[in-house]
Amino acid sequence: MNKKNIGIAAVVAALAVAGAWTMGKDDAAPARGAQGPGGGQGPTAVNIVSPKRQDVGVELTANGIVTPVRTVDLHPQTTATISKVHIREGQFVKQGQVMFSLDDRADRASVAQAQAQVAQNRATLADLERQYQRSRDLAAQNFLSQSAVDSLKSQVESAQALVQSNTAAARARQVSASYTTIRAPMSGRVGAIDVHPGALVQPATSLTTVTQLDPIDVAFNLPESSLGALLAAHRAGKVAVQASAGAGANTQPVMGELTFVDNAVDPATGTIRVKAQFSNGATSLWPGQYVTTSATVQTLRDAVVIPQNAIITNTEGTFVYVMGEGNEARQVKVTRLHGFGEYAAVSGLAGTEKIITEGKQNLRPGAKVRPAGKPAAGAAAVKPGEKA
């Protein structure tokens, strides 16, 4: 390449560099112009809410299992043949209702025999009592010796004892005969029935079960850290417990009352076993069913409630940001008393503050803030269709 061409190339390169530098300056100018007055950042846009005041129940939540208050496994008390089954599987029975009848012919005959023996003994006793009375009259007239009177008296006393003995034996036969009629020991629901008329049963044979459904218990475990609050609430009065059997739209929680706190903490799990009792007339709770329980051990009256996402916890402690005078962010230390869902009851707030919930991640005490949706101070609003 000759010297002339080299000079032309150098001139072209210099012009290109100058053009690129000029364009860079033009592009940078709008960027500087987008900053706030004086080149600094404007107020931070934040979402704010006002605290609420309400009564908040401190609840202990756990999974529980429905357990019947009583379940009775029915067995016959004698060996006999079933003559009739009076109930159906799954039927609700009342206390004292006849459920099974056993063949009682032998028992009725035994009772009749015992009653006849008692009648015979009473007749013999009546005869001896008449003889004893006549002997006393004759002895008073010196027609009979005193030894004969005493002998008759002994016979009367022996006959009286025999009547009492045989009467007791007759009652025992009647009790034994009553075992042939099996009645419901309580009101409840009948389980499966595995015996039928004609079957031979004995004391080891299970006839069916009767389970009490109303009222019904729910057993659940709570951590030992909750034991103090639980016992304090139990001593103070009734502890309300709510049980929910599912998450369906038609599922309604039922309310009950704490009835039992175990006498020892399970060292293996660090939990304490408790029970609550519920009215179950609608049979919304079923034995063996898993439910979600919630025990209210305390009620915070007129507590200050704020969203959980407004609370910040770090090495400095637990606090929230509030929008103070002059739209400046201010830290206020709080104590979380109880969290429930998206909200928490706290102390440390008067309840009239403006709590910052969104946009707080980059705030510092004293930083300028503005509610989201409002333009920053000094910024001109741009109407649709106009150029900035």
Protein backbone atom coordinates (compact mmCIF):
# COMPACT_ATOMS: atom_id res chain seq x y z
CA MET A 1 0.00 0.00 0.00
CA ASN A 2 1.36 3.46 -0.85
CA LYS A 3 1.63 6.37 1.54
CA LYS A 4 -1.42 8.12 0.04
CA ASN A 5 -3.75 5.19 0.73
CA ILE A 6 -2.40 4.83 4.27
CA GLY A 7 -3.21 8.46 5.02
CA ILE A 8 -6.77 8.12 3.69
CA ALA A 9 -7.40 5.06 5.91
CA ALA A 10 -6.14 6.89 8.99
CA VAL A 11 -8.49 9.79 8.35
CA VAL A 12 -11.51 7.45 7.96
CA ALA A 13 -10.70 5.64 11.23
CA ALA A 14 -10.39 8.90 13.13
CA LEU A 15 -13.81 10.06 11.89
CA ALA A 16 -15.44 6.77 12.92
CA VAL A 17 -14.04 7.00 16.47
CA ALA A 18 -15.22 10.59 16.80
CA GLY A 19 -18.73 9.64 15.67
CA ALA A 20 -19.00 6.80 18.15
CA TRP A 21 -17.87 9.05 21.01
CA THR A 22 -20.46 11.68 20.05
CA MET A 23 -23.29 9.11 19.99
CA GLY A 24 -22.27 7.81 23.43
CA LYS A 25 -22.60 11.30 24.88
CA ASP A 26 -26.04 11.76 23.31
CA ASP A 27 -27.29 8.39 24.68
CA ALA A 28 -26.01 9.10 28.20
CA ALA A 29 -27.76 12.45 28.51
CA PRO A 30 -31.33 11.09 28.94
CA ALA A 31 -30.09 8.63 31.58
CA ARG A 32 -28.82 11.45 33.74
CA GLY A 33 -32.00 13.35 33.20
CA ALA A 34 -34.11 10.42 34.62
CA GLN A 35 -32.69 10.87 38.10
CA GLY A 36 -34.45 12.88 40.70
CA PRO A 37 -33.72 16.50 41.58
CA GLY A 38 -30.05 16.98 42.21
CA GLY A 39 -29.21 13.59 40.65
CA GLY A 40 -30.46 11.54 43.77
CA GLN A 41 -33.10 8.76 44.04
CA GLY A 42 -36.75 9.67 44.73
CA PRO A 43 -38.98 8.33 47.60
CA THR A 44 -39.46 4.56 47.68
CA ALA A 45 -42.95 3.34 46.76
CA VAL A 46 -44.39 1.12 49.50
CA ASN A 47 -47.67 -0.52 50.43
CA ILE A 48 -49.07 0.45 53.80
CA VAL A 49 -51.86 -0.96 55.98
CA SER A 50 -53.44 0.08 59.24
CA PRO A 51 -53.36 -2.36 62.20
CA LYS A 52 -56.60 -3.89 63.41
CA ARG A 53 -57.75 -4.41 66.97
CA GLN A 54 -59.60 -7.61 67.77
CA ASP A 55 -59.81 -10.49 70.21
CA VAL A 56 -57.39 -13.23 69.18
CA GLY A 57 -57.62 -16.80 70.45
CA VAL A 58 -54.28 -18.48 71.15
CA GLU A 59 -54.75 -21.94 69.67
CA LEU A 60 -52.80 -25.17 69.88
CA THR A 61 -53.33 -27.21 66.71
CA ALA A 62 -52.71 -30.95 66.32
CA ASN A 63 -53.95 -33.99 64.44
CA GLY A 64 -56.18 -36.29 66.48
CA ILE A 65 -58.09 -39.53 66.22
CA VAL A 66 -61.72 -40.08 67.19
CA THR A 67 -62.12 -42.62 69.99
CA PRO A 68 -65.42 -43.79 71.50
CA VAL A 69 -66.05 -43.13 75.17
CA ARG A 70 -67.13 -46.76 75.56
CA THR A 71 -67.10 -49.87 73.38
CA VAL A 72 -68.50 -53.14 74.72
CA ASP A 73 -67.76 -56.54 73.20
CA LEU A 74 -70.81 -58.70 73.95
CA HIS A 75 -70.29 -62.30 75.08
CA PRO A 76 -72.85 -64.77 76.44
CA GLN A 77 -72.43 -65.73 80.10
CA THR A 78 -73.60 -69.28 79.55
CA THR A 79 -73.35 -72.02 76.95
CA ALA A 80 -76.56 -72.23 74.93
CA THR A 81 -78.06 -72.10 71.47
CA ILE A 82 -79.21 -68.79 69.97
CA SER A 83 -82.96 -68.81 69.48
CA LYS A 84 -83.44 -65.30 68.08
CA VAL A 85 -81.44 -62.25 67.01
CA HIS A 86 -83.48 -59.10 67.66
CA ILE A 87 -81.17 -56.48 66.10
CA ARG A 88 -79.45 -55.75 62.77
CA GLU A 89 -75.88 -54.83 61.97
CA GLY A 90 -75.32 -51.09 62.17
CA GLN A 91 -78.53 -50.50 64.11
CA PHE A 92 -78.68 -47.92 66.88
CA VAL A 93 -79.95 -49.45 70.13
CA LYS A 94 -81.00 -48.00 73.46
CA GLN A 95 -79.76 -49.15 76.82
CA GLY A 96 -81.68 -52.23 78.01
CA GLN A 97 -82.99 -53.14 74.56
CA VAL A 98 -83.15 -56.91 73.89
CA MET A 99 -80.47 -57.95 71.38
CA PHE A 100 -80.21 -61.77 71.56
CA SER A 101 -82.35 -64.54 73.03
CA LEU A 102 -80.78 -67.88 73.93
CA ASP A 103 -82.55 -71.24 74.37
CA ASP A 104 -83.79 -71.01 77.97
CA ARG A 105 -85.87 -74.19 78.34
CA ALA A 106 -83.41 -75.90 80.67
CA ASP A 107 -82.99 -72.73 82.73
CA ARG A 108 -86.74 -72.22 83.09
CA ALA A 109 -87.14 -75.82 84.25
CA SER A 110 -84.35 -75.36 86.77
CA VAL A 111 -85.97 -72.21 88.13
CA ALA A 112 -89.33 -73.99 88.45
CA GLN A 113 -87.68 -76.87 90.32
CA ALA A 114 -85.96 -74.47 92.73
CA GLN A 115 -89.19 -72.58 93.36
CA ALA A 116 -91.05 -75.85 94.05
CA GLN A 117 -88.37 -76.87 96.56
CA VAL A 118 -88.79 -73.54 98.35
CA ALA A 119 -92.56 -74.04 98.46
CA GLN A 120 -92.07 -77.51 99.98
CA ASN A 121 -89.66 -76.16 102.59
CA ARG A 122 -92.10 -73.41 103.55
CA ALA A 123 -94.90 -75.94 103.98
CA THR A 124 -92.71 -78.07 106.24
CA LEU A 125 -91.75 -74.98 108.20
CA ALA A 126 -95.39 -73.98 108.65
CA ASP A 127 -96.23 -77.47 109.99
CA LEU A 128 -93.33 -77.41 112.45
CA GLU A 129 -94.31 -73.93 113.63
CA ARG A 130 -97.85 -75.19 114.39
CA GLN A 131 -96.48 -78.20 116.29
CA TYR A 132 -94.14 -75.97 118.23
CA GLN A 133 -96.98 -73.63 119.21
CA ARG A 134 -99.15 -76.57 120.44
CA SER A 135 -96.22 -78.00 122.40
CA ARG A 136 -95.77 -74.72 124.18
CA ASP A 137 -99.45 -74.69 125.13
CA LEU A 138 -99.25 -78.28 126.42
CA ALA A 139 -96.07 -77.57 128.33
CA ALA A 140 -97.77 -74.64 130.02
CA GLN A 141 -100.45 -77.09 131.27
CA ASN A 142 -97.75 -79.61 132.32
CA PHE A 143 -98.92 -82.13 129.71
CA LEU A 144 -95.57 -82.05 127.83
CA SER A 145 -91.97 -81.93 128.96
CA GLN A 146 -89.78 -78.92 128.27
CA SER A 147 -87.26 -81.08 126.39
CA ALA A 148 -89.90 -81.99 123.83
CA VAL A 149 -90.70 -78.29 123.34
CA ASP A 150 -87.02 -77.48 122.85
CA SER A 151 -86.69 -80.25 120.28
CA LEU A 152 -89.54 -78.84 118.24
CA LYS A 153 -88.02 -75.38 118.48
CA SER A 154 -84.77 -76.69 117.01
CA GLN A 155 -86.67 -78.29 114.15
CA VAL A 156 -88.43 -74.99 113.41
CA GLU A 157 -85.15 -73.08 113.31
CA SER A 158 -83.60 -75.72 111.04
CA ALA A 159 -86.59 -75.50 108.69
CA GLN A 160 -86.33 -71.68 108.60
CA ALA A 161 -82.64 -71.92 107.61
CA LEU A 162 -83.49 -74.44 104.91
CA VAL A 163 -86.14 -72.11 103.47
CA GLN A 164 -83.63 -69.24 103.33
CA SER A 165 -81.00 -71.45 101.68
CA ASN A 166 -83.33 -72.78 99.03
CA THR A 167 -84.76 -69.30 98.40
CA ALA A 168 -81.24 -68.05 97.69
CA ALA A 169 -80.65 -71.02 95.40
CA ALA A 170 -83.85 -70.20 93.51
CA ARG A 171 -82.71 -66.61 93.05
CA ALA A 172 -79.38 -67.86 91.70
CA ARG A 173 -81.23 -70.05 89.21
CA GLN A 174 -83.27 -67.01 88.14
CA VAL A 175 -80.08 -64.97 87.63
CA SER A 176 -78.61 -67.77 85.56
CA ALA A 177 -81.82 -67.92 83.52
CA SER A 178 -81.65 -64.17 82.90
CA TYR A 179 -78.38 -64.71 81.03
CA THR A 180 -80.39 -66.20 78.19
CA THR A 181 -81.69 -62.71 77.36
CA ILE A 182 -78.84 -60.41 76.27
CA ARG A 183 -79.64 -56.71 76.43
CA ALA A 184 -77.79 -53.60 75.27
CA PRO A 185 -75.48 -52.41 78.07
CA MET A 186 -75.71 -48.83 76.80
CA SER A 187 -77.08 -46.76 73.97
CA GLY A 188 -74.94 -46.98 70.85
CA ARG A 189 -74.41 -48.49 67.43
CA VAL A 190 -74.25 -52.21 66.78
CA GLY A 191 -71.24 -53.59 64.95
CA ALA A 192 -70.94 -56.70 62.80
CA ILE A 193 -72.95 -59.77 63.86
CA ASP A 194 -71.29 -63.12 63.21
CA VAL A 195 -73.80 -65.45 64.91
CA HIS A 196 -77.28 -66.54 63.82
CA PRO A 197 -80.23 -68.46 65.27
CA GLY A 198 -79.32 -72.07 65.90
CA ALA A 199 -75.64 -71.39 66.55
CA LEU A 200 -74.15 -72.79 69.73
CA VAL A 201 -72.38 -70.06 71.71
CA GLN A 202 -70.33 -70.06 74.87
CA PRO A 203 -68.65 -67.39 77.05
CA ALA A 204 -65.68 -67.16 74.68
CA THR A 205 -67.93 -66.40 71.69
CA SER A 206 -68.13 -62.74 70.57
CA LEU A 207 -71.70 -61.89 69.55
CA THR A 208 -71.21 -58.27 68.46
CA THR A 209 -69.99 -54.91 69.74
CA VAL A 210 -71.89 -51.83 70.86
CA THR A 211 -70.10 -48.49 70.49
CA GLN A 212 -71.25 -45.28 72.13
CA LEU A 213 -71.19 -42.45 69.57
CA ASP A 214 -72.71 -39.60 71.55
CA PRO A 215 -70.80 -38.12 73.26
CA ILE A 216 -67.50 -39.08 71.68
CA ASP A 217 -63.83 -38.39 72.42
CA VAL A 218 -60.96 -37.14 70.30
CA ALA A 219 -57.43 -37.99 71.44
CA PHE A 220 -54.42 -35.96 70.28
CA ASN A 221 -50.88 -35.09 71.33
CA LEU A 222 -49.46 -31.65 72.05
CA PRO A 223 -45.79 -30.67 72.47
CA GLU A 224 -44.56 -30.47 76.04
CA SER A 225 -43.75 -26.79 75.49
CA SER A 226 -47.51 -26.18 75.44
CA LEU A 227 -48.12 -28.03 78.71
CA GLY A 228 -47.90 -24.95 80.95
CA ALA A 229 -50.44 -22.94 78.98
CA LEU A 230 -52.69 -25.99 78.62
CA LEU A 231 -52.75 -26.78 82.35
CA ALA A 232 -53.26 -23.12 83.28
CA ALA A 233 -56.23 -22.88 80.94
CA HIS A 234 -57.62 -26.19 82.23
CA ARG A 235 -57.40 -25.04 85.84
CA ALA A 236 -59.00 -21.71 84.98
CA GLY A 237 -62.10 -23.32 83.48
CA LYS A 238 -63.37 -24.92 80.33
CA VAL A 239 -60.94 -25.20 77.42
CA ALA A 240 -62.76 -25.05 74.09
CA VAL A 241 -61.58 -27.49 71.43
CA GLN A 242 -62.60 -27.46 67.77
CA ALA A 243 -62.43 -30.55 65.58
CA SER A 244 -62.69 -30.66 61.81
CA ALA A 245 -63.01 -33.98 60.01
CA GLY A 246 -61.99 -32.77 56.53
CA ALA A 247 -61.60 -29.91 54.10
CA GLY A 248 -64.80 -30.43 52.11
CA ALA A 249 -67.25 -27.65 51.45
CA ASN A 250 -69.94 -29.37 53.53
CA THR A 251 -67.65 -30.11 56.46
CA GLN A 252 -68.56 -28.13 59.54
CA PRO A 253 -66.21 -28.08 62.55
CA VAL A 254 -67.68 -29.23 65.84
CA MET A 255 -67.00 -27.70 69.24
CA GLY A 256 -66.09 -29.67 72.33
CA GLU A 257 -64.33 -29.36 75.67
CA LEU A 258 -60.99 -30.60 76.98
CA THR A 259 -61.62 -33.42 79.46
CA PHE A 260 -58.29 -35.16 80.04
CA VAL A 261 -54.58 -34.33 80.29
CA ASP A 262 -52.28 -37.32 80.75
CA ASN A 263 -50.21 -37.59 83.93
CA ALA A 264 -46.85 -37.85 82.15
CA VAL A 265 -45.03 -36.55 79.09
CA ASP A 266 -43.90 -39.22 76.64
CA PRO A 267 -40.09 -38.93 76.79
CA ALA A 268 -39.69 -40.59 73.38
CA THR A 269 -41.75 -37.99 71.51
CA GLY A 270 -41.75 -35.04 73.91
CA THR A 271 -45.54 -34.81 73.74
CA ILE A 272 -48.44 -35.00 76.18
CA ARG A 273 -51.59 -36.96 75.40
CA VAL A 274 -54.91 -35.16 75.87
CA LYS A 275 -58.57 -35.82 75.12
CA ALA A 276 -61.55 -33.66 74.31
CA GLN A 277 -65.20 -34.67 74.37
CA PHE A 278 -67.78 -33.64 71.76
CA SER A 279 -71.54 -33.87 71.44
CA ASN A 280 -72.09 -36.08 68.43
CA GLY A 281 -75.84 -36.31 67.92
CA ALA A 282 -75.39 -35.75 64.18
CA THR A 283 -72.63 -38.45 64.08
CA SER A 284 -70.27 -36.07 62.27
CA LEU A 285 -67.39 -37.76 64.09
CA TRP A 286 -66.78 -41.48 63.65
CA PRO A 287 -64.54 -43.79 65.69
CA GLY A 288 -61.10 -44.22 64.14
CA GLN A 289 -61.44 -41.09 62.03
CA TYR A 290 -58.52 -38.65 61.76
CA VAL A 291 -59.39 -35.02 62.51
CA THR A 292 -57.67 -31.68 62.91
CA THR A 293 -58.06 -30.25 66.40
CA SER A 294 -57.53 -26.77 67.74
CA ALA A 295 -57.55 -26.01 71.48
CA THR A 296 -57.99 -22.38 72.56
CA VAL A 297 -55.87 -21.93 75.69
CA GLN A 298 -55.96 -18.13 75.89
CA THR A 299 -57.75 -15.14 74.40
CA LEU A 300 -55.80 -11.95 73.72
CA ARG A 301 -58.33 -9.19 74.29
CA ASP A 302 -58.26 -6.17 71.96
CA ALA A 303 -54.93 -7.23 70.47
CA VAL A 304 -53.11 -5.30 67.71
CA VAL A 305 -53.17 -7.45 64.56
CA ILE A 306 -50.92 -6.87 61.53
CA PRO A 307 -49.97 -8.93 58.45
CA GLN A 308 -47.19 -11.45 59.07
CA ASN A 309 -45.28 -10.23 56.00
CA ALA A 310 -44.79 -6.82 57.64
CA ILE A 311 -42.64 -8.31 60.41
CA ILE A 312 -38.86 -8.35 59.95
CA THR A 313 -36.57 -10.52 62.08
CA ASN A 314 -32.79 -10.18 61.93
CA THR A 315 -29.81 -9.88 64.22
CA GLU A 316 -31.14 -6.58 65.54
CA GLY A 317 -34.39 -8.16 66.71
CA THR A 318 -37.98 -8.19 65.52
CA PHE A 319 -39.46 -4.97 64.16
CA VAL A 320 -41.69 -3.38 61.55
CA TYR A 321 -41.31 -0.29 59.41
CA VAL A 322 -43.93 2.43 59.79
CA MET A 323 -44.43 5.57 57.75
CA GLY A 324 -43.85 8.43 60.16
CA GLU A 325 -43.97 12.22 59.96
CA GLY A 326 -42.55 13.68 56.76
CA ASN A 327 -43.13 10.35 55.03
CA GLU A 328 -40.01 8.89 56.60
CA ALA A 329 -39.59 5.18 57.34
CA ARG A 330 -39.22 4.45 61.03
CA GLN A 331 -38.38 1.19 62.79
CA VAL A 332 -40.61 0.05 65.66
CA LYS A 333 -39.67 -3.02 67.69
CA VAL A 334 -42.52 -5.50 68.21
CA THR A 335 -43.09 -8.83 69.94
CA ARG A 336 -45.01 -11.52 68.10
CA LEU A 337 -47.63 -12.77 70.58
CA HIS A 338 -49.43 -15.23 68.35
CA GLY A 339 -49.50 -15.98 64.65
CA PHE A 340 -52.58 -17.26 62.85
CA GLY A 341 -52.66 -17.66 59.09
CA GLU A 342 -51.47 -14.50 57.34
CA TYR A 343 -51.79 -12.37 60.46
CA ALA A 344 -50.13 -12.02 63.85
CA ALA A 345 -51.03 -10.37 67.14
CA VAL A 346 -48.13 -8.20 68.33
CA SER A 347 -47.21 -5.87 71.14
CA GLY A 348 -45.21 -2.65 70.80
CA LEU A 349 -47.65 -0.81 68.53
CA ALA A 350 -50.31 1.71 69.49
CA GLY A 351 -52.59 0.53 66.69
CA THR A 352 -52.69 3.87 64.86
CA GLU A 353 -49.49 3.49 62.84
CA LYS A 354 -49.19 3.08 59.08
CA ILE A 355 -47.46 -0.28 58.68
CA ILE A 356 -45.25 -0.85 55.62
CA THR A 357 -45.84 -4.31 54.14
CA GLU A 358 -44.33 -4.18 50.62
CA GLY A 359 -41.20 -2.39 49.49
CA LYS A 360 -39.50 -2.60 52.89
CA GLN A 361 -36.61 -4.83 51.82
CA ASN A 362 -34.29 -1.93 50.88
CA LEU A 363 -35.46 0.60 53.46
CA ARG A 364 -33.29 2.23 56.10
CA PRO A 365 -34.49 4.28 59.07
CA GLY A 366 -35.18 7.82 57.89
CA ALA A 367 -35.59 6.88 54.22
CA LYS A 368 -38.26 8.77 52.32
CA VAL A 369 -41.26 6.70 51.28
CA ARG A 370 -44.54 7.25 49.51
CA PRO A 371 -47.66 5.07 49.26
CA ALA A 372 -47.69 3.01 46.09
CA GLY A 373 -49.85 4.53 43.35
CA LYS A 374 -49.00 8.14 44.25
CA PRO A 375 -46.42 10.06 42.13
CA ALA A 376 -43.15 11.09 43.76
CA ALA A 377 -42.90 14.67 44.99
CA GLY A 378 -41.81 17.05 42.20
CA ALA A 379 -42.53 14.56 39.42
CA ALA A 380 -44.89 15.76 36.71
CA ALA A 381 -47.73 13.43 35.84
CA VAL A 382 -47.84 12.33 32.21
CA LYS A 383 -51.26 12.17 30.64
CA PRO A 384 -52.08 9.53 28.04
CA GLY A 385 -51.16 10.69 24.51
CA GLU A 386 -48.62 13.30 25.71
CA LYS A 387 -44.85 13.05 25.31
CA ALA A 388 -42.64 13.12 28.33
